[in-house]
Amino acid sequence: MNTAENREFDYQAYMRENPPDLSKIRRGTEARRQRLEKKLALHEQALGIAGEAGYRQREANQPGRLGSWHSDIGEPARAIEFHEQVLVIARKVGYHQEEAKQLASLGKCHSDIGEPARAIEFYEQALVIHRKIGNRYGEASDLVNLGDALADQHQWEKAVAAYHQAIQIADEMRNAQAQNEACLLDQ
């Protein structure tokens, strides 16, 4: 029979007895980049395995993660390739939430490479889908991103209108949450 002693773990004492080897700790942007590259390699390997095994959902998620990581390490052009792969799969299987997510990610990538007009196209497409499926949070997020891209194009009035819509949605979501909490308190 396994019995565990009920005692508290003393982290400070453990660290005094087992100090880390500081020579093995890698810091800085180059170390972060190397860790991300290792993660990318593992995820690319997982993508191949998922594809071979026929796991469409998993296959769709892997390139999206890879796209996000490439975006995080400052490679938006490479990220676009992965987000486009996921977009094709999401459309093929009718996974609208993922489709909208990838469209928004493509918008961000195009914004990052200085193509705000292209970013606007992607954010508008994502917005249409989020509205269609009733994802208010996604809708508000798309409106903020759209506002940023419109501002990059010096389309100030349209940018402000998008921001106002996002604020209105956020207020509606807060009011709905407050109403739900009030109902719970009444019970």
C-alpha atoms as a PDB file:
ATOM      1  CA  MET A   1       0.000   0.000   0.000  1.00  0.00           C
ATOM      2  CA  ASN A   2       1.351   3.426  -0.963  1.00  0.00           C
ATOM      3  CA  THR A   3       1.086   6.057   1.696  1.00  0.00           C
ATOM      4  CA  ALA A   4       2.412   9.530   1.275  1.00  0.00           C
ATOM      5  CA  GLU A   5       3.564  11.603   4.151  1.00  0.00           C
ATOM      6  CA  ASN A   6       1.687  14.817   4.549  1.00  0.00           C
ATOM      7  CA  ARG A   7       4.523  17.287   4.816  1.00  0.00           C
ATOM      8  CA  GLU A   8       5.084  20.616   3.197  1.00  0.00           C
ATOM      9  CA  PHE A   9       7.803  20.977   0.589  1.00  0.00           C
ATOM     10  CA  ASP A  10      10.429  23.530   1.619  1.00  0.00           C
ATOM     11  CA  TYR A  11      11.583  25.041  -1.652  1.00  0.00           C
ATOM     12  CA  GLN A  12      14.147  27.342  -0.024  1.00  0.00           C
ATOM     13  CA  ALA A  13      15.830  24.464   1.820  1.00  0.00           C
ATOM     14  CA  TYR A  14      15.822  22.347  -1.343  1.00  0.00           C
ATOM     15  CA  MET A  15      17.514  25.135  -3.324  1.00  0.00           C
ATOM     16  CA  ARG A  16      20.173  25.599  -0.628  1.00  0.00           C
ATOM     17  CA  GLU A  17      20.939  21.872  -0.705  1.00  0.00           C
ATOM     18  CA  ASN A  18      20.697  21.570  -4.516  1.00  0.00           C
ATOM     19  CA  PRO A  19      21.802  24.839  -6.091  1.00  0.00           C
ATOM     20  CA  PRO A  20      21.444  25.102  -9.868  1.00  0.00           C
ATOM     21  CA  ASP A  21      24.536  24.862 -12.015  1.00  0.00           C
ATOM     22  CA  LEU A  22      24.635  28.440 -13.333  1.00  0.00           C
ATOM     23  CA  SER A  23      27.038  27.475 -16.092  1.00  0.00           C
ATOM     24  CA  LYS A  24      24.274  25.368 -17.679  1.00  0.00           C
ATOM     25  CA  ILE A  25      21.644  28.093 -17.623  1.00  0.00           C
ATOM     26  CA  ARG A  26      21.367  29.731 -21.024  1.00  0.00           C
ATOM     27  CA  ARG A  27      19.943  33.228 -21.126  1.00  0.00           C
ATOM     28  CA  GLY A  28      19.297  35.935 -23.646  1.00  0.00           C
ATOM     29  CA  THR A  29      17.623  36.191 -26.997  1.00  0.00           C
ATOM     30  CA  GLU A  30      19.928  33.701 -28.699  1.00  0.00           C
ATOM     31  CA  ALA A  31      19.205  31.056 -26.058  1.00  0.00           C
ATOM     32  CA  ARG A  32      15.470  31.761 -26.349  1.00  0.00           C
ATOM     33  CA  ARG A  33      15.693  31.454 -30.111  1.00  0.00           C
ATOM     34  CA  GLN A  34      17.527  28.119 -29.819  1.00  0.00           C
ATOM     35  CA  ARG A  35      14.871  26.774 -27.428  1.00  0.00           C
ATOM     36  CA  LEU A  36      12.117  27.897 -29.794  1.00  0.00           C
ATOM     37  CA  GLU A  37      13.903  26.294 -32.753  1.00  0.00           C
ATOM     38  CA  LYS A  38      14.042  22.989 -30.841  1.00  0.00           C
ATOM     39  CA  LYS A  39      10.303  23.294 -30.129  1.00  0.00           C
ATOM     40  CA  LEU A  40       9.669  24.044 -33.780  1.00  0.00           C
ATOM     41  CA  ALA A  41      11.568  20.949 -34.858  1.00  0.00           C
ATOM     42  CA  LEU A  42       9.572  18.783 -32.442  1.00  0.00           C
ATOM     43  CA  HIS A  43       6.273  20.253 -33.609  1.00  0.00           C
ATOM     44  CA  GLU A  44       7.191  19.794 -37.254  1.00  0.00           C
ATOM     45  CA  GLN A  45       7.911  16.158 -36.429  1.00  0.00           C
ATOM     46  CA  ALA A  46       4.548  15.888 -34.618  1.00  0.00           C
ATOM     47  CA  LEU A  47       2.837  17.395 -37.645  1.00  0.00           C
ATOM     48  CA  GLY A  48       4.220  14.647 -39.869  1.00  0.00           C
ATOM     49  CA  ILE A  49       3.115  11.960 -37.428  1.00  0.00           C
ATOM     50  CA  ALA A  50      -0.381  13.456 -37.102  1.00  0.00           C
ATOM     51  CA  GLY A  51      -0.730  13.605 -40.883  1.00  0.00           C
ATOM     52  CA  GLU A  52       0.389  10.000 -41.297  1.00  0.00           C
ATOM     53  CA  ALA A  53      -2.017   8.834 -38.595  1.00  0.00           C
ATOM     54  CA  GLY A  54      -4.938  10.746 -40.107  1.00  0.00           C
ATOM     55  CA  TYR A  55      -5.633  13.028 -37.151  1.00  0.00           C
ATOM     56  CA  ARG A  56      -7.094  15.996 -39.058  1.00  0.00           C
ATOM     57  CA  GLN A  57      -7.809  18.113 -35.951  1.00  0.00           C
ATOM     58  CA  ARG A  58      -4.290  17.597 -34.619  1.00  0.00           C
ATOM     59  CA  GLU A  59      -2.898  18.091 -38.112  1.00  0.00           C
ATOM     60  CA  ALA A  60      -4.748  21.409 -38.311  1.00  0.00           C
ATOM     61  CA  ASN A  61      -3.506  22.604 -34.912  1.00  0.00           C
ATOM     62  CA  GLN A  62       0.213  21.896 -35.385  1.00  0.00           C
ATOM     63  CA  PRO A  63       0.925  24.333 -38.230  1.00  0.00           C
ATOM     64  CA  GLY A  64      -1.028  27.020 -36.372  1.00  0.00           C
ATOM     65  CA  ARG A  65       1.264  26.603 -33.388  1.00  0.00           C
ATOM     66  CA  LEU A  66       4.279  26.621 -35.672  1.00  0.00           C
ATOM     67  CA  GLY A  67       2.989  29.799 -37.286  1.00  0.00           C
ATOM     68  CA  SER A  68       2.598  31.460 -33.890  1.00  0.00           C
ATOM     69  CA  TRP A  69       6.133  30.481 -32.906  1.00  0.00           C
ATOM     70  CA  HIS A  70       7.631  31.752 -36.126  1.00  0.00           C
ATOM     71  CA  SER A  71       5.755  34.980 -35.551  1.00  0.00           C
ATOM     72  CA  ASP A  72       7.097  35.141 -31.966  1.00  0.00           C
ATOM     73  CA  ILE A  73      10.716  34.754 -33.097  1.00  0.00           C
ATOM     74  CA  GLY A  74      10.344  37.492 -35.689  1.00  0.00           C
ATOM     75  CA  GLU A  75       9.733  35.413 -38.804  1.00  0.00           C
ATOM     76  CA  PRO A  76       6.257  36.544 -39.935  1.00  0.00           C
ATOM     77  CA  ALA A  77       6.837  35.507 -43.551  1.00  0.00           C
ATOM     78  CA  ARG A  78       7.468  31.903 -42.435  1.00  0.00           C
ATOM     79  CA  ALA A  79       4.503  32.132 -40.048  1.00  0.00           C
ATOM     80  CA  ILE A  80       2.237  33.051 -42.964  1.00  0.00           C
ATOM     81  CA  GLU A  81       3.026  29.726 -44.654  1.00  0.00           C
ATOM     82  CA  PHE A  82       1.874  27.757 -41.615  1.00  0.00           C
ATOM     83  CA  HIS A  83      -1.249  29.871 -40.985  1.00  0.00           C
ATOM     84  CA  GLU A  84      -2.247  29.423 -44.633  1.00  0.00           C
ATOM     85  CA  GLN A  85      -1.917  25.625 -44.272  1.00  0.00           C
ATOM     86  CA  VAL A  86      -4.244  25.631 -41.265  1.00  0.00           C
ATOM     87  CA  LEU A  87      -6.671  27.950 -43.026  1.00  0.00           C
ATOM     88  CA  VAL A  88      -6.995  25.490 -45.922  1.00  0.00           C
ATOM     89  CA  ILE A  89      -7.647  22.582 -43.545  1.00  0.00           C
ATOM     90  CA  ALA A  90     -10.096  24.583 -41.401  1.00  0.00           C
ATOM     91  CA  ARG A  91     -12.096  25.573 -44.467  1.00  0.00           C
ATOM     92  CA  LYS A  92     -12.031  22.031 -45.812  1.00  0.00           C
ATOM     93  CA  VAL A  93     -13.453  20.531 -42.594  1.00  0.00           C
ATOM     94  CA  GLY A  94     -15.787  23.463 -41.833  1.00  0.00           C
ATOM     95  CA  TYR A  95     -14.061  24.454 -38.582  1.00  0.00           C
ATOM     96  CA  HIS A  96     -15.155  28.111 -38.597  1.00  0.00           C
ATOM     97  CA  GLN A  97     -13.638  29.128 -35.254  1.00  0.00           C
ATOM     98  CA  GLU A  98     -10.198  27.956 -36.400  1.00  0.00           C
ATOM     99  CA  GLU A  99     -10.721  29.608 -39.775  1.00  0.00           C
ATOM    100  CA  ALA A 100     -11.372  32.955 -38.092  1.00  0.00           C
ATOM    101  CA  LYS A 101      -8.399  32.484 -35.762  1.00  0.00           C
ATOM    102  CA  GLN A 102      -6.059  31.816 -38.683  1.00  0.00           C
ATOM    103  CA  LEU A 103      -7.409  34.760 -40.668  1.00  0.00           C
ATOM    104  CA  ALA A 104      -6.705  37.023 -37.684  1.00  0.00           C
ATOM    105  CA  SER A 105      -3.212  35.505 -37.347  1.00  0.00           C
ATOM    106  CA  LEU A 106      -2.577  36.167 -41.031  1.00  0.00           C
ATOM    107  CA  GLY A 107      -3.726  39.731 -40.475  1.00  0.00           C
ATOM    108  CA  LYS A 108      -1.199  40.139 -37.664  1.00  0.00           C
ATOM    109  CA  CYS A 109       1.605  38.673 -39.779  1.00  0.00           C
ATOM    110  CA  HIS A 110       0.843  41.005 -42.674  1.00  0.00           C
ATOM    111  CA  SER A 111       0.724  43.903 -40.233  1.00  0.00           C
ATOM    112  CA  ASP A 112       4.131  42.841 -38.900  1.00  0.00           C
ATOM    113  CA  ILE A 113       5.687  42.856 -42.374  1.00  0.00           C
ATOM    114  CA  GLY A 114       4.295  46.295 -43.169  1.00  0.00           C
ATOM    115  CA  GLU A 115       1.298  45.307 -45.280  1.00  0.00           C
ATOM    116  CA  PRO A 116      -1.606  46.941 -43.408  1.00  0.00           C
ATOM    117  CA  ALA A 117      -3.923  46.888 -46.446  1.00  0.00           C
ATOM    118  CA  ARG A 118      -3.566  43.094 -46.648  1.00  0.00           C
ATOM    119  CA  ALA A 119      -3.964  42.859 -42.859  1.00  0.00           C
ATOM    120  CA  ILE A 120      -7.253  44.754 -43.118  1.00  0.00           C
ATOM    121  CA  GLU A 121      -8.554  42.189 -45.617  1.00  0.00           C
ATOM    122  CA  PHE A 122      -7.786  39.309 -43.243  1.00  0.00           C
ATOM    123  CA  TYR A 123      -9.194  41.058 -40.156  1.00  0.00           C
ATOM    124  CA  GLU A 124     -12.418  41.863 -42.028  1.00  0.00           C
ATOM    125  CA  GLN A 125     -12.804  38.214 -43.082  1.00  0.00           C
ATOM    126  CA  ALA A 126     -12.189  37.035 -39.501  1.00  0.00           C
ATOM    127  CA  LEU A 127     -14.711  39.586 -38.245  1.00  0.00           C
ATOM    128  CA  VAL A 128     -17.421  38.297 -40.579  1.00  0.00           C
ATOM    129  CA  ILE A 129     -16.903  34.730 -39.329  1.00  0.00           C
ATOM    130  CA  HIS A 130     -16.774  35.687 -35.649  1.00  0.00           C
ATOM    131  CA  ARG A 131     -20.055  37.581 -36.077  1.00  0.00           C
ATOM    132  CA  LYS A 132     -21.596  34.657 -37.938  1.00  0.00           C
ATOM    133  CA  ILE A 133     -20.720  32.134 -35.214  1.00  0.00           C
ATOM    134  CA  GLY A 134     -21.536  34.549 -32.376  1.00  0.00           C
ATOM    135  CA  ASN A 135     -18.043  34.810 -30.900  1.00  0.00           C
ATOM    136  CA  ARG A 136     -18.249  38.250 -29.288  1.00  0.00           C
ATOM    137  CA  TYR A 137     -14.757  38.097 -27.829  1.00  0.00           C
ATOM    138  CA  GLY A 138     -13.286  37.253 -31.244  1.00  0.00           C
ATOM    139  CA  GLU A 139     -15.367  40.008 -32.803  1.00  0.00           C
ATOM    140  CA  ALA A 140     -14.050  42.608 -30.336  1.00  0.00           C
ATOM    141  CA  SER A 141     -10.472  41.412 -30.817  1.00  0.00           C
ATOM    142  CA  ASP A 142     -10.823  41.584 -34.605  1.00  0.00           C
ATOM    143  CA  LEU A 143     -12.195  45.119 -34.341  1.00  0.00           C
ATOM    144  CA  VAL A 144      -9.228  46.272 -32.244  1.00  0.00           C
ATOM    145  CA  ASN A 145      -6.776  44.695 -34.699  1.00  0.00           C
ATOM    146  CA  LEU A 146      -8.717  46.160 -37.619  1.00  0.00           C
ATOM    147  CA  GLY A 147      -8.589  49.568 -35.946  1.00  0.00           C
ATOM    148  CA  ASP A 148      -4.813  49.274 -35.569  1.00  0.00           C
ATOM    149  CA  ALA A 149      -4.374  48.341 -39.236  1.00  0.00           C
ATOM    150  CA  LEU A 150      -6.696  51.156 -40.343  1.00  0.00           C
ATOM    151  CA  ALA A 151      -4.689  53.587 -38.213  1.00  0.00           C
ATOM    152  CA  ASP A 152      -1.512  52.336 -39.923  1.00  0.00           C
ATOM    153  CA  GLN A 153      -3.204  53.340 -43.198  1.00  0.00           C
ATOM    154  CA  HIS A 154      -4.110  56.772 -41.728  1.00  0.00           C
ATOM    155  CA  GLN A 155      -7.805  55.935 -41.994  1.00  0.00           C
ATOM    156  CA  TRP A 156      -8.464  57.618 -38.664  1.00  0.00           C
ATOM    157  CA  GLU A 157     -12.262  57.804 -38.762  1.00  0.00           C
ATOM    158  CA  LYS A 158     -12.627  54.133 -39.664  1.00  0.00           C
ATOM    159  CA  ALA A 159     -10.070  53.180 -37.007  1.00  0.00           C
ATOM    160  CA  VAL A 160     -11.930  55.123 -34.315  1.00  0.00           C
ATOM    161  CA  ALA A 161     -15.236  53.562 -35.427  1.00  0.00           C
ATOM    162  CA  ALA A 162     -13.718  50.067 -35.126  1.00  0.00           C
ATOM    163  CA  TYR A 163     -12.360  50.883 -31.646  1.00  0.00           C
ATOM    164  CA  HIS A 164     -15.766  52.209 -30.558  1.00  0.00           C
ATOM    165  CA  GLN A 165     -17.462  49.021 -31.749  1.00  0.00           C
ATOM    166  CA  ALA A 166     -14.924  46.945 -29.818  1.00  0.00           C
ATOM    167  CA  ILE A 167     -15.547  49.005 -26.669  1.00  0.00           C
ATOM    168  CA  GLN A 168     -19.311  48.619 -27.082  1.00  0.00           C
ATOM    169  CA  ILE A 169     -18.964  44.829 -27.371  1.00  0.00           C
ATOM    170  CA  ALA A 170     -16.678  44.727 -24.332  1.00  0.00           C
ATOM    171  CA  ASP A 171     -19.236  46.750 -22.341  1.00  0.00           C
ATOM    172  CA  GLU A 172     -22.044  44.414 -23.448  1.00  0.00           C
ATOM    173  CA  MET A 173     -19.981  41.395 -22.437  1.00  0.00           C
ATOM    174  CA  ARG A 174     -19.251  42.937 -19.018  1.00  0.00           C
ATOM    175  CA  ASN A 175     -22.948  43.742 -18.525  1.00  0.00           C
ATOM    176  CA  ALA A 176     -23.944  40.195 -19.454  1.00  0.00           C
ATOM    177  CA  GLN A 177     -21.366  38.804 -17.048  1.00  0.00           C
ATOM    178  CA  ALA A 178     -22.577  41.129 -14.278  1.00  0.00           C
ATOM    179  CA  GLN A 179     -26.179  40.070 -14.911  1.00  0.00           C
ATOM    180  CA  ASN A 180     -25.199  36.405 -14.721  1.00  0.00           C
ATOM    181  CA  GLU A 181     -23.338  36.992 -11.468  1.00  0.00           C
ATOM    182  CA  ALA A 182     -26.332  38.883 -10.032  1.00  0.00           C
ATOM    183  CA  CYS A 183     -28.624  35.975 -10.944  1.00  0.00           C
ATOM    184  CA  LEU A 184     -26.285  33.579  -9.159  1.00  0.00           C
ATOM    185  CA  LEU A 185     -26.332  35.777  -6.058  1.00  0.00           C
ATOM    186  CA  ASP A 186     -30.148  35.819  -6.018  1.00  0.00           C
ATOM    187  CA  GLN A 187     -30.325  32.034  -5.788  1.00  0.00           C
END
